[in-house]
Amino acid sequence: MKILNLGCNMDIKKDMNVEWVNLDIRKLKGVDIVCDLDKFPYPIKDKEFDEVVANHVLEHLNNIPEIMDELHRILKDRGTIKIRCPYFKNESAFSSPQHKRYITEKSFEHYYYHPNSKFNLIK
């Protein structure tokens, strides 16, 4: 299994049983790919990853629709995206001046309810 740790910052993932690829905008120790997630396309092959993990990164970015298209492009068929963001009702959503958006349980409905959707909601 190959997993992309999107916008990893200093949360570098390593595991003997999984191939982790750590991506960040800065070349920190353990970062495998340096990439600005607001610039497209990403320097990643089509259908390269089984899973993308995005922990506390999407709230910092500008163009969520284009980002979701890129994530779909780099995911293998039946791949999974795991997104974690501060909830908009929690004060932590407002605590960083770097947060550009606030996420709710409805923020991604367009991506799985839209007639041309590329995604299915799991949870």
PDB file of N, CA and C in Angstrom:
ATOM      1  N   MET A   1       0.845  -1.180   0.000  1.00  0.00           N
ATOM      2  CA  MET A   1       0.000   0.000   0.000  1.00  0.00           C
ATOM      3  C   MET A   1       0.890   1.242   0.000  1.00  0.00           C
ATOM      4  N   LYS A   2       0.518   2.227  -0.813  1.00  0.00           N
ATOM      5  CA  LYS A   2       1.273   3.474  -0.917  1.00  0.00           C
ATOM      6  C   LYS A   2       0.353   4.624  -0.501  1.00  0.00           C
ATOM      7  N   ILE A   3       0.797   5.388   0.519  1.00  0.00           N
ATOM      8  CA  ILE A   3      -0.024   6.455   1.091  1.00  0.00           C
ATOM      9  C   ILE A   3       0.716   7.780   1.014  1.00  0.00           C
ATOM     10  N   LEU A   4       0.001   8.820   0.560  1.00  0.00           N
ATOM     11  CA  LEU A   4       0.540  10.174   0.515  1.00  0.00           C
ATOM     12  C   LEU A   4       0.116  10.921   1.776  1.00  0.00           C
ATOM     13  N   ASN A   5       1.094  11.437   2.504  1.00  0.00           N
ATOM     14  CA  ASN A   5       0.879  12.264   3.690  1.00  0.00           C
ATOM     15  C   ASN A   5       0.934  13.716   3.218  1.00  0.00           C
ATOM     16  N   LEU A   6      -0.241  14.258   2.877  1.00  0.00           N
ATOM     17  CA  LEU A   6      -0.369  15.554   2.208  1.00  0.00           C
ATOM     18  C   LEU A   6      -0.189  16.700   3.196  1.00  0.00           C
ATOM     19  N   GLY A   7       0.728  17.618   2.891  1.00  0.00           N
ATOM     20  CA  GLY A   7       0.960  18.762   3.768  1.00  0.00           C
ATOM     21  C   GLY A   7       1.412  18.333   5.144  1.00  0.00           C
ATOM     22  N   CYS A   8       2.398  17.466   5.181  1.00  0.00           N
ATOM     23  CA  CYS A   8       2.789  16.768   6.410  1.00  0.00           C
ATOM     24  C   CYS A   8       3.409  17.658   7.481  1.00  0.00           C
ATOM     25  N   ASN A   9       4.035  18.768   7.066  1.00  0.00           N
ATOM     26  CA  ASN A   9       4.768  19.603   8.013  1.00  0.00           C
ATOM     27  C   ASN A   9       5.808  18.719   8.713  1.00  0.00           C
ATOM     28  N   MET A  10       5.801  18.666  10.037  1.00  0.00           N
ATOM     29  CA  MET A  10       6.794  17.855  10.752  1.00  0.00           C
ATOM     30  C   MET A  10       6.239  16.501  11.188  1.00  0.00           C
ATOM     31  N   ASP A  11       5.024  16.157  10.738  1.00  0.00           N
ATOM     32  CA  ASP A  11       4.404  14.869  11.052  1.00  0.00           C
ATOM     33  C   ASP A  11       4.814  13.848   9.981  1.00  0.00           C
ATOM     34  N   ILE A  12       6.068  13.462  10.016  1.00  0.00           N
ATOM     35  CA  ILE A  12       6.633  12.541   9.031  1.00  0.00           C
ATOM     36  C   ILE A  12       6.190  11.118   9.368  1.00  0.00           C
ATOM     37  N   LYS A  13       5.593  10.450   8.374  1.00  0.00           N
ATOM     38  CA  LYS A  13       5.102   9.086   8.562  1.00  0.00           C
ATOM     39  C   LYS A  13       6.103   8.091   7.980  1.00  0.00           C
ATOM     40  N   LYS A  14       6.348   7.025   8.739  1.00  0.00           N
ATOM     41  CA  LYS A  14       7.184   5.910   8.293  1.00  0.00           C
ATOM     42  C   LYS A  14       6.582   4.643   8.871  1.00  0.00           C
ATOM     43  N   ASP A  15       6.617   3.584   8.096  1.00  0.00           N
ATOM     44  CA  ASP A  15       6.052   2.314   8.538  1.00  0.00           C
ATOM     45  C   ASP A  15       6.665   1.211   7.685  1.00  0.00           C
ATOM     46  N   MET A  16       7.044   0.131   8.313  1.00  0.00           N
ATOM     47  CA  MET A  16       7.659  -0.987   7.590  1.00  0.00           C
ATOM     48  C   MET A  16       6.675  -1.656   6.636  1.00  0.00           C
ATOM     49  N   ASN A  17       5.366  -1.612   6.936  1.00  0.00           N
ATOM     50  CA  ASN A  17       4.365  -2.338   6.157  1.00  0.00           C
ATOM     51  C   ASN A  17       3.672  -1.472   5.104  1.00  0.00           C
ATOM     52  N   VAL A  18       3.938  -0.169   5.122  1.00  0.00           N
ATOM     53  CA  VAL A  18       3.283   0.774   4.215  1.00  0.00           C
ATOM     54  C   VAL A  18       4.348   1.676   3.609  1.00  0.00           C
ATOM     55  N   GLU A  19       4.188   1.994   2.334  1.00  0.00           N
ATOM     56  CA  GLU A  19       5.087   2.962   1.703  1.00  0.00           C
ATOM     57  C   GLU A  19       4.471   4.356   1.864  1.00  0.00           C
ATOM     58  N   TRP A  20       4.982   5.113   2.807  1.00  0.00           N
ATOM     59  CA  TRP A  20       4.532   6.487   3.033  1.00  0.00           C
ATOM     60  C   TRP A  20       5.351   7.439   2.179  1.00  0.00           C
ATOM     61  N   VAL A  21       4.686   8.425   1.593  1.00  0.00           N
ATOM     62  CA  VAL A  21       5.352   9.515   0.888  1.00  0.00           C
ATOM     63  C   VAL A  21       4.897  10.799   1.568  1.00  0.00           C
ATOM     64  N   ASN A  22       5.839  11.525   2.129  1.00  0.00           N
ATOM     65  CA  ASN A  22       5.552  12.750   2.871  1.00  0.00           C
ATOM     66  C   ASN A  22       5.745  13.957   1.960  1.00  0.00           C
ATOM     67  N   LEU A  23       4.700  14.787   1.842  1.00  0.00           N
ATOM     68  CA  LEU A  23       4.723  15.949   0.963  1.00  0.00           C
ATOM     69  C   LEU A  23       4.466  17.210   1.769  1.00  0.00           C
ATOM     70  N   ASP A  24       5.258  18.241   1.507  1.00  0.00           N
ATOM     71  CA  ASP A  24       5.046  19.533   2.163  1.00  0.00           C
ATOM     72  C   ASP A  24       5.571  20.643   1.262  1.00  0.00           C
ATOM     73  N   ILE A  25       5.195  21.864   1.561  1.00  0.00           N
ATOM     74  CA  ILE A  25       5.650  23.023   0.792  1.00  0.00           C
ATOM     75  C   ILE A  25       7.111  23.362   1.110  1.00  0.00           C
ATOM     76  N   ARG A  26       7.596  22.890   2.265  1.00  0.00           N
ATOM     77  CA  ARG A  26       8.980  23.161   2.680  1.00  0.00           C
ATOM     78  C   ARG A  26       9.790  21.875   2.713  1.00  0.00           C
ATOM     79  N   LYS A  27      11.075  22.004   2.424  1.00  0.00           N
ATOM     80  CA  LYS A  27      11.980  20.848   2.484  1.00  0.00           C
ATOM     81  C   LYS A  27      12.425  20.659   3.928  1.00  0.00           C
ATOM     82  N   LEU A  28      11.593  19.972   4.696  1.00  0.00           N
ATOM     83  CA  LEU A  28      11.911  19.633   6.074  1.00  0.00           C
ATOM     84  C   LEU A  28      12.533  18.241   6.102  1.00  0.00           C
ATOM     85  N   LYS A  29      13.153  17.904   7.193  1.00  0.00           N
ATOM     86  CA  LYS A  29      13.724  16.565   7.346  1.00  0.00           C
ATOM     87  C   LYS A  29      12.605  15.522   7.217  1.00  0.00           C
ATOM     88  N   GLY A  30      12.784  14.582   6.308  1.00  0.00           N
ATOM     89  CA  GLY A  30      11.806  13.514   6.106  1.00  0.00           C
ATOM     90  C   GLY A  30      10.799  13.786   5.008  1.00  0.00           C
ATOM     91  N   VAL A  31      10.766  14.998   4.457  1.00  0.00           N
ATOM     92  CA  VAL A  31       9.845  15.322   3.364  1.00  0.00           C
ATOM     93  C   VAL A  31      10.397  14.729   2.070  1.00  0.00           C
ATOM     94  N   ASP A  32       9.550  13.960   1.391  1.00  0.00           N
ATOM     95  CA  ASP A  32       9.956  13.298   0.150  1.00  0.00           C
ATOM     96  C   ASP A  32       9.683  14.147  -1.084  1.00  0.00           C
ATOM     97  N   ILE A  33       8.556  14.870  -1.082  1.00  0.00           N
ATOM     98  CA  ILE A  33       8.173  15.715  -2.213  1.00  0.00           C
ATOM     99  C   ILE A  33       7.916  17.124  -1.693  1.00  0.00           C
ATOM    100  N   VAL A  34       8.592  18.101  -2.280  1.00  0.00           N
ATOM    101  CA  VAL A  34       8.331  19.505  -1.951  1.00  0.00           C
ATOM    102  C   VAL A  34       7.405  20.038  -3.040  1.00  0.00           C
ATOM    103  N   CYS A  35       6.256  20.558  -2.604  1.00  0.00           N
ATOM    104  CA  CYS A  35       5.232  20.949  -3.563  1.00  0.00           C
ATOM    105  C   CYS A  35       4.309  21.991  -2.935  1.00  0.00           C
ATOM    106  N   ASP A  36       3.974  23.030  -3.697  1.00  0.00           N
ATOM    107  CA  ASP A  36       2.963  24.007  -3.305  1.00  0.00           C
ATOM    108  C   ASP A  36       1.623  23.445  -3.750  1.00  0.00           C
ATOM    109  N   LEU A  37       0.762  23.102  -2.804  1.00  0.00           N
ATOM    110  CA  LEU A  37      -0.510  22.448  -3.118  1.00  0.00           C
ATOM    111  C   LEU A  37      -1.513  23.367  -3.805  1.00  0.00           C
ATOM    112  N   ASP A  38      -1.199  24.643  -3.910  1.00  0.00           N
ATOM    113  CA  ASP A  38      -2.052  25.575  -4.648  1.00  0.00           C
ATOM    114  C   ASP A  38      -1.569  25.776  -6.086  1.00  0.00           C
ATOM    115  N   LYS A  39      -0.556  24.998  -6.510  1.00  0.00           N
ATOM    116  CA  LYS A  39      -0.056  25.064  -7.888  1.00  0.00           C
ATOM    117  C   LYS A  39      -0.259  23.699  -8.536  1.00  0.00           C
ATOM    118  N   PHE A  40      -0.799  23.723  -9.749  1.00  0.00           N
ATOM    119  CA  PHE A  40      -1.212  22.492 -10.423  1.00  0.00           C
ATOM    120  C   PHE A  40      -0.508  22.351 -11.770  1.00  0.00           C
ATOM    121  N   PRO A  41      -0.292  21.133 -12.215  1.00  0.00           N
ATOM    122  CA  PRO A  41      -0.533  19.856 -11.547  1.00  0.00           C
ATOM    123  C   PRO A  41       0.564  19.550 -10.534  1.00  0.00           C
ATOM    124  N   TYR A  42       0.254  18.636  -9.625  1.00  0.00           N
ATOM    125  CA  TYR A  42       1.255  18.202  -8.656  1.00  0.00           C
ATOM    126  C   TYR A  42       2.284  17.316  -9.359  1.00  0.00           C
ATOM    127  N   PRO A  43       3.520  17.288  -8.870  1.00  0.00           N
ATOM    128  CA  PRO A  43       4.557  16.460  -9.504  1.00  0.00           C
ATOM    129  C   PRO A  43       4.431  14.983  -9.103  1.00  0.00           C
ATOM    130  N   ILE A  44       3.276  14.426  -9.402  1.00  0.00           N
ATOM    131  CA  ILE A  44       2.941  13.045  -9.024  1.00  0.00           C
ATOM    132  C   ILE A  44       2.264  12.386 -10.223  1.00  0.00           C
ATOM    133  N   LYS A  45       2.599  11.135 -10.469  1.00  0.00           N
ATOM    134  CA  LYS A  45       2.006  10.395 -11.578  1.00  0.00           C
ATOM    135  C   LYS A  45       0.524  10.117 -11.324  1.00  0.00           C
ATOM    136  N   ASP A  46      -0.228   9.915 -12.388  1.00  0.00           N
ATOM    137  CA  ASP A  46      -1.625   9.505 -12.293  1.00  0.00           C
ATOM    138  C   ASP A  46      -1.719   8.159 -11.575  1.00  0.00           C
ATOM    139  N   LYS A  47      -2.736   8.020 -10.751  1.00  0.00           N
ATOM    140  CA  LYS A  47      -3.061   6.748 -10.085  1.00  0.00           C
ATOM    141  C   LYS A  47      -1.884   6.145  -9.321  1.00  0.00           C
ATOM    142  N   GLU A  48      -1.112   6.984  -8.641  1.00  0.00           N
ATOM    143  CA  GLU A  48       0.078   6.512  -7.930  1.00  0.00           C
ATOM    144  C   GLU A  48      -0.222   6.024  -6.508  1.00  0.00           C
ATOM    145  N   PHE A  49      -1.261   6.563  -5.873  1.00  0.00           N
ATOM    146  CA  PHE A  49      -1.479   6.290  -4.444  1.00  0.00           C
ATOM    147  C   PHE A  49      -2.762   5.515  -4.180  1.00  0.00           C
ATOM    148  N   ASP A  50      -2.679   4.638  -3.181  1.00  0.00           N
ATOM    149  CA  ASP A  50      -3.858   3.915  -2.696  1.00  0.00           C
ATOM    150  C   ASP A  50      -4.674   4.796  -1.758  1.00  0.00           C
ATOM    151  N   GLU A  51      -3.990   5.711  -1.083  1.00  0.00           N
ATOM    152  CA  GLU A  51      -4.650   6.548  -0.079  1.00  0.00           C
ATOM    153  C   GLU A  51      -3.929   7.887   0.026  1.00  0.00           C
ATOM    154  N   VAL A  52      -4.709   8.933   0.326  1.00  0.00           N
ATOM    155  CA  VAL A  52      -4.165  10.249   0.636  1.00  0.00           C
ATOM    156  C   VAL A  52      -4.673  10.624   2.015  1.00  0.00           C
ATOM    157  N   VAL A  53      -3.770  11.037   2.884  1.00  0.00           N
ATOM    158  CA  VAL A  53      -4.119  11.504   4.221  1.00  0.00           C
ATOM    159  C   VAL A  53      -3.835  13.002   4.262  1.00  0.00           C
ATOM    160  N   ALA A  54      -4.869  13.790   4.585  1.00  0.00           N
ATOM    161  CA  ALA A  54      -4.735  15.253   4.654  1.00  0.00           C
ATOM    162  C   ALA A  54      -5.156  15.703   6.047  1.00  0.00           C
ATOM    163  N   ASN A  55      -4.194  15.765   6.961  1.00  0.00           N
ATOM    164  CA  ASN A  55      -4.475  16.172   8.339  1.00  0.00           C
ATOM    165  C   ASN A  55      -4.176  17.655   8.519  1.00  0.00           C
ATOM    166  N   HIS A  56      -5.219  18.416   8.743  1.00  0.00           N
ATOM    167  CA  HIS A  56      -5.096  19.850   9.028  1.00  0.00           C
ATOM    168  C   HIS A  56      -4.296  20.573   7.949  1.00  0.00           C
ATOM    169  N   VAL A  57      -4.695  20.349   6.688  1.00  0.00           N
ATOM    170  CA  VAL A  57      -4.027  21.028   5.577  1.00  0.00           C
ATOM    171  C   VAL A  57      -5.007  21.766   4.669  1.00  0.00           C
ATOM    172  N   LEU A  58      -6.182  21.209   4.384  1.00  0.00           N
ATOM    173  CA  LEU A  58      -7.087  21.820   3.405  1.00  0.00           C
ATOM    174  C   LEU A  58      -7.582  23.196   3.822  1.00  0.00           C
ATOM    175  N   GLU A  59      -7.696  23.446   5.114  1.00  0.00           N
ATOM    176  CA  GLU A  59      -8.155  24.764   5.576  1.00  0.00           C
ATOM    177  C   GLU A  59      -7.137  25.869   5.280  1.00  0.00           C
ATOM    178  N   HIS A  60      -5.927  25.479   4.868  1.00  0.00           N
ATOM    179  CA  HIS A  60      -4.869  26.445   4.558  1.00  0.00           C
ATOM    180  C   HIS A  60      -4.782  26.760   3.063  1.00  0.00           C
ATOM    181  N   LEU A  61      -5.556  26.061   2.251  1.00  0.00           N
ATOM    182  CA  LEU A  61      -5.384  26.142   0.801  1.00  0.00           C
ATOM    183  C   LEU A  61      -6.482  26.953   0.119  1.00  0.00           C
ATOM    184  N   ASN A  62      -6.223  27.354  -1.129  1.00  0.00           N
ATOM    185  CA  ASN A  62      -7.118  28.265  -1.842  1.00  0.00           C
ATOM    186  C   ASN A  62      -8.203  27.595  -2.661  1.00  0.00           C
ATOM    187  N   ASN A  63      -7.843  26.660  -3.512  1.00  0.00           N
ATOM    188  CA  ASN A  63      -8.760  26.177  -4.530  1.00  0.00           C
ATOM    189  C   ASN A  63      -9.161  24.718  -4.291  1.00  0.00           C
ATOM    190  N   ILE A  64     -10.084  24.504  -3.385  1.00  0.00           N
ATOM    191  CA  ILE A  64     -10.483  23.142  -3.012  1.00  0.00           C
ATOM    192  C   ILE A  64     -10.993  22.329  -4.213  1.00  0.00           C
ATOM    193  N   PRO A  65     -11.830  22.881  -5.100  1.00  0.00           N
ATOM    194  CA  PRO A  65     -12.263  22.057  -6.246  1.00  0.00           C
ATOM    195  C   PRO A  65     -11.099  21.542  -7.098  1.00  0.00           C
ATOM    196  N   GLU A  66     -10.131  22.388  -7.377  1.00  0.00           N
ATOM    197  CA  GLU A  66      -8.989  21.940  -8.183  1.00  0.00           C
ATOM    198  C   GLU A  66      -8.111  20.963  -7.401  1.00  0.00           C
ATOM    199  N   ILE A  67      -7.986  21.164  -6.106  1.00  0.00           N
ATOM    200  CA  ILE A  67      -7.232  20.238  -5.256  1.00  0.00           C
ATOM    201  C   ILE A  67      -7.900  18.868  -5.264  1.00  0.00           C
ATOM    202  N   MET A  68      -9.213  18.836  -5.143  1.00  0.00           N
ATOM    203  CA  MET A  68      -9.927  17.556  -5.160  1.00  0.00           C
ATOM    204  C   MET A  68      -9.749  16.854  -6.505  1.00  0.00           C
ATOM    205  N   ASP A  69      -9.743  17.616  -7.595  1.00  0.00           N
ATOM    206  CA  ASP A  69      -9.479  17.022  -8.914  1.00  0.00           C
ATOM    207  C   ASP A  69      -8.087  16.404  -8.967  1.00  0.00           C
ATOM    208  N   GLU A  70      -7.096  17.098  -8.411  1.00  0.00           N
ATOM    209  CA  GLU A  70      -5.730  16.568  -8.384  1.00  0.00           C
ATOM    210  C   GLU A  70      -5.652  15.308  -7.528  1.00  0.00           C
ATOM    211  N   LEU A  71      -6.317  15.320  -6.375  1.00  0.00           N
ATOM    212  CA  LEU A  71      -6.296  14.135  -5.514  1.00  0.00           C
ATOM    213  C   LEU A  71      -6.948  12.956  -6.220  1.00  0.00           C
ATOM    214  N   HIS A  72      -8.016  13.210  -6.937  1.00  0.00           N
ATOM    215  CA  HIS A  72      -8.661  12.140  -7.707  1.00  0.00           C
ATOM    216  C   HIS A  72      -7.707  11.611  -8.777  1.00  0.00           C
ATOM    217  N   ARG A  73      -6.980  12.492  -9.417  1.00  0.00           N
ATOM    218  CA  ARG A  73      -6.039  12.088 -10.472  1.00  0.00           C
ATOM    219  C   ARG A  73      -4.928  11.188  -9.938  1.00  0.00           C
ATOM    220  N   ILE A  74      -4.408  11.498  -8.763  1.00  0.00           N
ATOM    221  CA  ILE A  74      -3.254  10.744  -8.244  1.00  0.00           C
ATOM    222  C   ILE A  74      -3.659   9.491  -7.469  1.00  0.00           C
ATOM    223  N   LEU A  75      -4.965   9.340  -7.196  1.00  0.00           N
ATOM    224  CA  LEU A  75      -5.440   8.148  -6.492  1.00  0.00           C
ATOM    225  C   LEU A  75      -5.672   6.995  -7.462  1.00  0.00           C
ATOM    226  N   LYS A  76      -5.333   5.807  -7.016  1.00  0.00           N
ATOM    227  CA  LYS A  76      -5.686   4.608  -7.774  1.00  0.00           C
ATOM    228  C   LYS A  76      -7.203   4.442  -7.742  1.00  0.00           C
ATOM    229  N   ASP A  77      -7.717   3.668  -8.687  1.00  0.00           N
ATOM    230  CA  ASP A  77      -9.148   3.356  -8.656  1.00  0.00           C
ATOM    231  C   ASP A  77      -9.496   2.750  -7.303  1.00  0.00           C
ATOM    232  N   ARG A  78     -10.587   3.196  -6.731  1.00  0.00           N
ATOM    233  CA  ARG A  78     -11.070   2.749  -5.420  1.00  0.00           C
ATOM    234  C   ARG A  78     -10.158   3.215  -4.284  1.00  0.00           C
ATOM    235  N   GLY A  79      -9.317   4.223  -4.558  1.00  0.00           N
ATOM    236  CA  GLY A  79      -8.462   4.799  -3.526  1.00  0.00           C
ATOM    237  C   GLY A  79      -9.284   5.600  -2.520  1.00  0.00           C
ATOM    238  N   THR A  80      -8.642   5.986  -1.429  1.00  0.00           N
ATOM    239  CA  THR A  80      -9.318   6.661  -0.324  1.00  0.00           C
ATOM    240  C   THR A  80      -8.607   7.956   0.022  1.00  0.00           C
ATOM    241  N   ILE A  81      -9.400   8.983   0.334  1.00  0.00           N
ATOM    242  CA  ILE A  81      -8.866  10.231   0.869  1.00  0.00           C
ATOM    243  C   ILE A  81      -9.402  10.369   2.286  1.00  0.00           C
ATOM    244  N   LYS A  82      -8.500  10.578   3.235  1.00  0.00           N
ATOM    245  CA  LYS A  82      -8.887  10.814   4.628  1.00  0.00           C
ATOM    246  C   LYS A  82      -8.554  12.262   4.960  1.00  0.00           C
ATOM    247  N   ILE A  83      -9.602  13.051   5.239  1.00  0.00           N
ATOM    248  CA  ILE A  83      -9.443  14.482   5.493  1.00  0.00           C
ATOM    249  C   ILE A  83      -9.787  14.770   6.945  1.00  0.00           C
ATOM    250  N   ARG A  84      -8.925  15.506   7.590  1.00  0.00           N
ATOM    251  CA  ARG A  84      -9.179  15.961   8.962  1.00  0.00           C
ATOM    252  C   ARG A  84      -8.890  17.458   9.010  1.00  0.00           C
ATOM    253  N   CYS A  85      -9.871  18.221   9.477  1.00  0.00           N
ATOM    254  CA  CYS A  85      -9.761  19.679   9.578  1.00  0.00           C
ATOM    255  C   CYS A  85     -10.413  20.122  10.883  1.00  0.00           C
ATOM    256  N   PRO A  86     -10.051  21.313  11.361  1.00  0.00           N
ATOM    257  CA  PRO A  86     -10.758  21.818  12.540  1.00  0.00           C
ATOM    258  C   PRO A  86     -12.213  22.124  12.174  1.00  0.00           C
ATOM    259  N   TYR A  87     -13.103  21.720  13.030  1.00  0.00           N
ATOM    260  CA  TYR A  87     -14.531  21.937  12.802  1.00  0.00           C
ATOM    261  C   TYR A  87     -14.856  23.412  12.982  1.00  0.00           C
ATOM    262  N   PHE A  88     -15.725  23.939  12.118  1.00  0.00           N
ATOM    263  CA  PHE A  88     -15.977  25.385  12.102  1.00  0.00           C
ATOM    264  C   PHE A  88     -16.553  25.924  13.407  1.00  0.00           C
ATOM    265  N   LYS A  89     -17.188  25.100  14.206  1.00  0.00           N
ATOM    266  CA  LYS A  89     -17.749  25.568  15.482  1.00  0.00           C
ATOM    267  C   LYS A  89     -16.724  25.558  16.611  1.00  0.00           C
ATOM    268  N   ASN A  90     -15.572  24.987  16.357  1.00  0.00           N
ATOM    269  CA  ASN A  90     -14.525  24.923  17.365  1.00  0.00           C
ATOM    270  C   ASN A  90     -13.618  26.146  17.236  1.00  0.00           C
ATOM    271  N   GLU A  91     -13.245  26.725  18.354  1.00  0.00           N
ATOM    272  CA  GLU A  91     -12.416  27.934  18.300  1.00  0.00           C
ATOM    273  C   GLU A  91     -11.073  27.700  17.616  1.00  0.00           C
ATOM    274  N   SER A  92     -10.599  26.452  17.560  1.00  0.00           N
ATOM    275  CA  SER A  92      -9.325  26.184  16.885  1.00  0.00           C
ATOM    276  C   SER A  92      -9.413  26.488  15.387  1.00  0.00           C
ATOM    277  N   ALA A  93     -10.616  26.458  14.826  1.00  0.00           N
ATOM    278  CA  ALA A  93     -10.775  26.806  13.413  1.00  0.00           C
ATOM    279  C   ALA A  93     -10.411  28.265  13.169  1.00  0.00           C
ATOM    280  N   PHE A  94     -10.593  29.092  14.173  1.00  0.00           N
ATOM    281  CA  PHE A  94     -10.353  30.522  14.042  1.00  0.00           C
ATOM    282  C   PHE A  94      -9.026  30.960  14.665  1.00  0.00           C
ATOM    283  N   SER A  95      -8.316  30.038  15.285  1.00  0.00           N
ATOM    284  CA  SER A  95      -7.124  30.412  16.051  1.00  0.00           C
ATOM    285  C   SER A  95      -5.906  30.725  15.195  1.00  0.00           C
ATOM    286  N   SER A  96      -5.871  30.249  13.966  1.00  0.00           N
ATOM    287  CA  SER A  96      -4.709  30.485  13.105  1.00  0.00           C
ATOM    288  C   SER A  96      -5.046  31.504  12.018  1.00  0.00           C
ATOM    289  N   PRO A  97      -4.238  32.553  11.897  1.00  0.00           N
ATOM    290  CA  PRO A  97      -4.465  33.500  10.806  1.00  0.00           C
ATOM    291  C   PRO A  97      -4.162  32.885   9.433  1.00  0.00           C
ATOM    292  N   GLN A  98      -3.576  31.689   9.412  1.00  0.00           N
ATOM    293  CA  GLN A  98      -3.284  31.003   8.151  1.00  0.00           C
ATOM    294  C   GLN A  98      -4.472  30.216   7.619  1.00  0.00           C
ATOM    295  N   HIS A  99      -5.530  30.041   8.430  1.00  0.00           N
ATOM    296  CA  HIS A  99      -6.710  29.315   7.957  1.00  0.00           C
ATOM    297  C   HIS A  99      -7.482  30.194   6.976  1.00  0.00           C
ATOM    298  N   LYS A 100      -7.730  29.666   5.797  1.00  0.00           N
ATOM    299  CA  LYS A 100      -8.413  30.409   4.747  1.00  0.00           C
ATOM    300  C   LYS A 100      -9.880  30.025   4.620  1.00  0.00           C
ATOM    301  N   ARG A 101     -10.287  28.941   5.242  1.00  0.00           N
ATOM    302  CA  ARG A 101     -11.676  28.478   5.145  1.00  0.00           C
ATOM    303  C   ARG A 101     -12.037  27.697   6.390  1.00  0.00           C
ATOM    304  N   TYR A 102     -13.322  27.517   6.560  1.00  0.00           N
ATOM    305  CA  TYR A 102     -13.843  26.780   7.715  1.00  0.00           C
ATOM    306  C   TYR A 102     -14.630  25.597   7.182  1.00  0.00           C
ATOM    307  N   ILE A 103     -14.435  24.453   7.783  1.00  0.00           N
ATOM    308  CA  ILE A 103     -14.961  23.195   7.269  1.00  0.00           C
ATOM    309  C   ILE A 103     -16.145  22.740   8.119  1.00  0.00           C
ATOM    310  N   THR A 104     -17.193  22.300   7.449  1.00  0.00           N
ATOM    311  CA  THR A 104     -18.356  21.723   8.140  1.00  0.00           C
ATOM    312  C   THR A 104     -18.586  20.314   7.604  1.00  0.00           C
ATOM    313  N   GLU A 105     -19.562  19.639   8.167  1.00  0.00           N
ATOM    314  CA  GLU A 105     -19.905  18.306   7.679  1.00  0.00           C
ATOM    315  C   GLU A 105     -20.482  18.363   6.264  1.00  0.00           C
ATOM    316  N   LYS A 106     -20.849  19.530   5.782  1.00  0.00           N
ATOM    317  CA  LYS A 106     -21.413  19.678   4.440  1.00  0.00           C
ATOM    318  C   LYS A 106     -20.413  20.218   3.413  1.00  0.00           C
ATOM    319  N   SER A 107     -19.206  20.513   3.842  1.00  0.00           N
ATOM    320  CA  SER A 107     -18.228  21.147   2.956  1.00  0.00           C
ATOM    321  C   SER A 107     -17.888  20.330   1.715  1.00  0.00           C
ATOM    322  N   PHE A 108     -18.003  19.032   1.779  1.00  0.00           N
ATOM    323  CA  PHE A 108     -17.587  18.194   0.660  1.00  0.00           C
ATOM    324  C   PHE A 108     -18.757  17.504  -0.027  1.00  0.00           C
ATOM    325  N   GLU A 109     -20.003  17.894   0.315  1.00  0.00           N
ATOM    326  CA  GLU A 109     -21.183  17.265  -0.292  1.00  0.00           C
ATOM    327  C   GLU A 109     -21.155  17.339  -1.814  1.00  0.00           C
ATOM    328  N   HIS A 110     -20.695  18.441  -2.345  1.00  0.00           N
ATOM    329  CA  HIS A 110     -20.638  18.602  -3.801  1.00  0.00           C
ATOM    330  C   HIS A 110     -19.860  17.468  -4.460  1.00  0.00           C
ATOM    331  N   TYR A 111     -18.858  16.960  -3.784  1.00  0.00           N
ATOM    332  CA  TYR A 111     -17.975  15.964  -4.381  1.00  0.00           C
ATOM    333  C   TYR A 111     -18.558  14.564  -4.408  1.00  0.00           C
ATOM    334  N   TYR A 112     -19.622  14.325  -3.663  1.00  0.00           N
ATOM    335  CA  TYR A 112     -20.219  12.992  -3.750  1.00  0.00           C
ATOM    336  C   TYR A 112     -21.703  13.011  -4.075  1.00  0.00           C
ATOM    337  N   TYR A 113     -22.389  14.161  -4.002  1.00  0.00           N
ATOM    338  CA  TYR A 113     -23.800  14.237  -4.388  1.00  0.00           C
ATOM    339  C   TYR A 113     -23.988  14.751  -5.817  1.00  0.00           C
ATOM    340  N   HIS A 114     -22.992  15.428  -6.349  1.00  0.00           N
ATOM    341  CA  HIS A 114     -23.085  15.994  -7.681  1.00  0.00           C
ATOM    342  C   HIS A 114     -23.241  14.867  -8.705  1.00  0.00           C
ATOM    343  N   PRO A 115     -24.092  15.056  -9.743  1.00  0.00           N
ATOM    344  CA  PRO A 115     -24.311  13.983 -10.736  1.00  0.00           C
ATOM    345  C   PRO A 115     -23.033  13.500 -11.428  1.00  0.00           C
ATOM    346  N   ASN A 116     -22.041  14.372 -11.570  1.00  0.00           N
ATOM    347  CA  ASN A 116     -20.784  13.979 -12.212  1.00  0.00           C
ATOM    348  C   ASN A 116     -19.688  13.674 -11.210  1.00  0.00           C
ATOM    349  N   SER A 117     -20.075  13.330 -10.003  1.00  0.00           N
ATOM    350  CA  SER A 117     -19.110  13.136  -8.931  1.00  0.00           C
ATOM    351  C   SER A 117     -18.109  12.033  -9.238  1.00  0.00           C
ATOM    352  N   LYS A 118     -16.883  12.252  -8.782  1.00  0.00           N
ATOM    353  CA  LYS A 118     -15.816  11.272  -8.903  1.00  0.00           C
ATOM    354  C   LYS A 118     -15.616  10.522  -7.591  1.00  0.00           C
ATOM    355  N   PHE A 119     -16.340  10.937  -6.534  1.00  0.00           N
ATOM    356  CA  PHE A 119     -16.106  10.422  -5.197  1.00  0.00           C
ATOM    357  C   PHE A 119     -17.354   9.789  -4.599  1.00  0.00           C
ATOM    358  N   ASN A 120     -17.122   8.889  -3.655  1.00  0.00           N
ATOM    359  CA  ASN A 120     -18.181   8.324  -2.817  1.00  0.00           C
ATOM    360  C   ASN A 120     -17.832   8.648  -1.365  1.00  0.00           C
ATOM    361  N   LEU A 121     -18.831   9.007  -0.602  1.00  0.00           N
ATOM    362  CA  LEU A 121     -18.610   9.278   0.825  1.00  0.00           C
ATOM    363  C   LEU A 121     -18.622   7.965   1.586  1.00  0.00           C
ATOM    364  N   ILE A 122     -17.597   7.730   2.366  1.00  0.00           N
ATOM    365  CA  ILE A 122     -17.551   6.536   3.216  1.00  0.00           C
ATOM    366  C   ILE A 122     -18.003   6.897   4.614  1.00  0.00           C
ATOM    367  N   LYS A 123     -17.462   7.960   5.146  1.00  0.00           N
ATOM    368  CA  LYS A 123     -17.792   8.367   6.517  1.00  0.00           C
ATOM    369  C   LYS A 123     -17.508   9.834   6.696  1.00  0.00           C
TER     370      LYS A 123
END
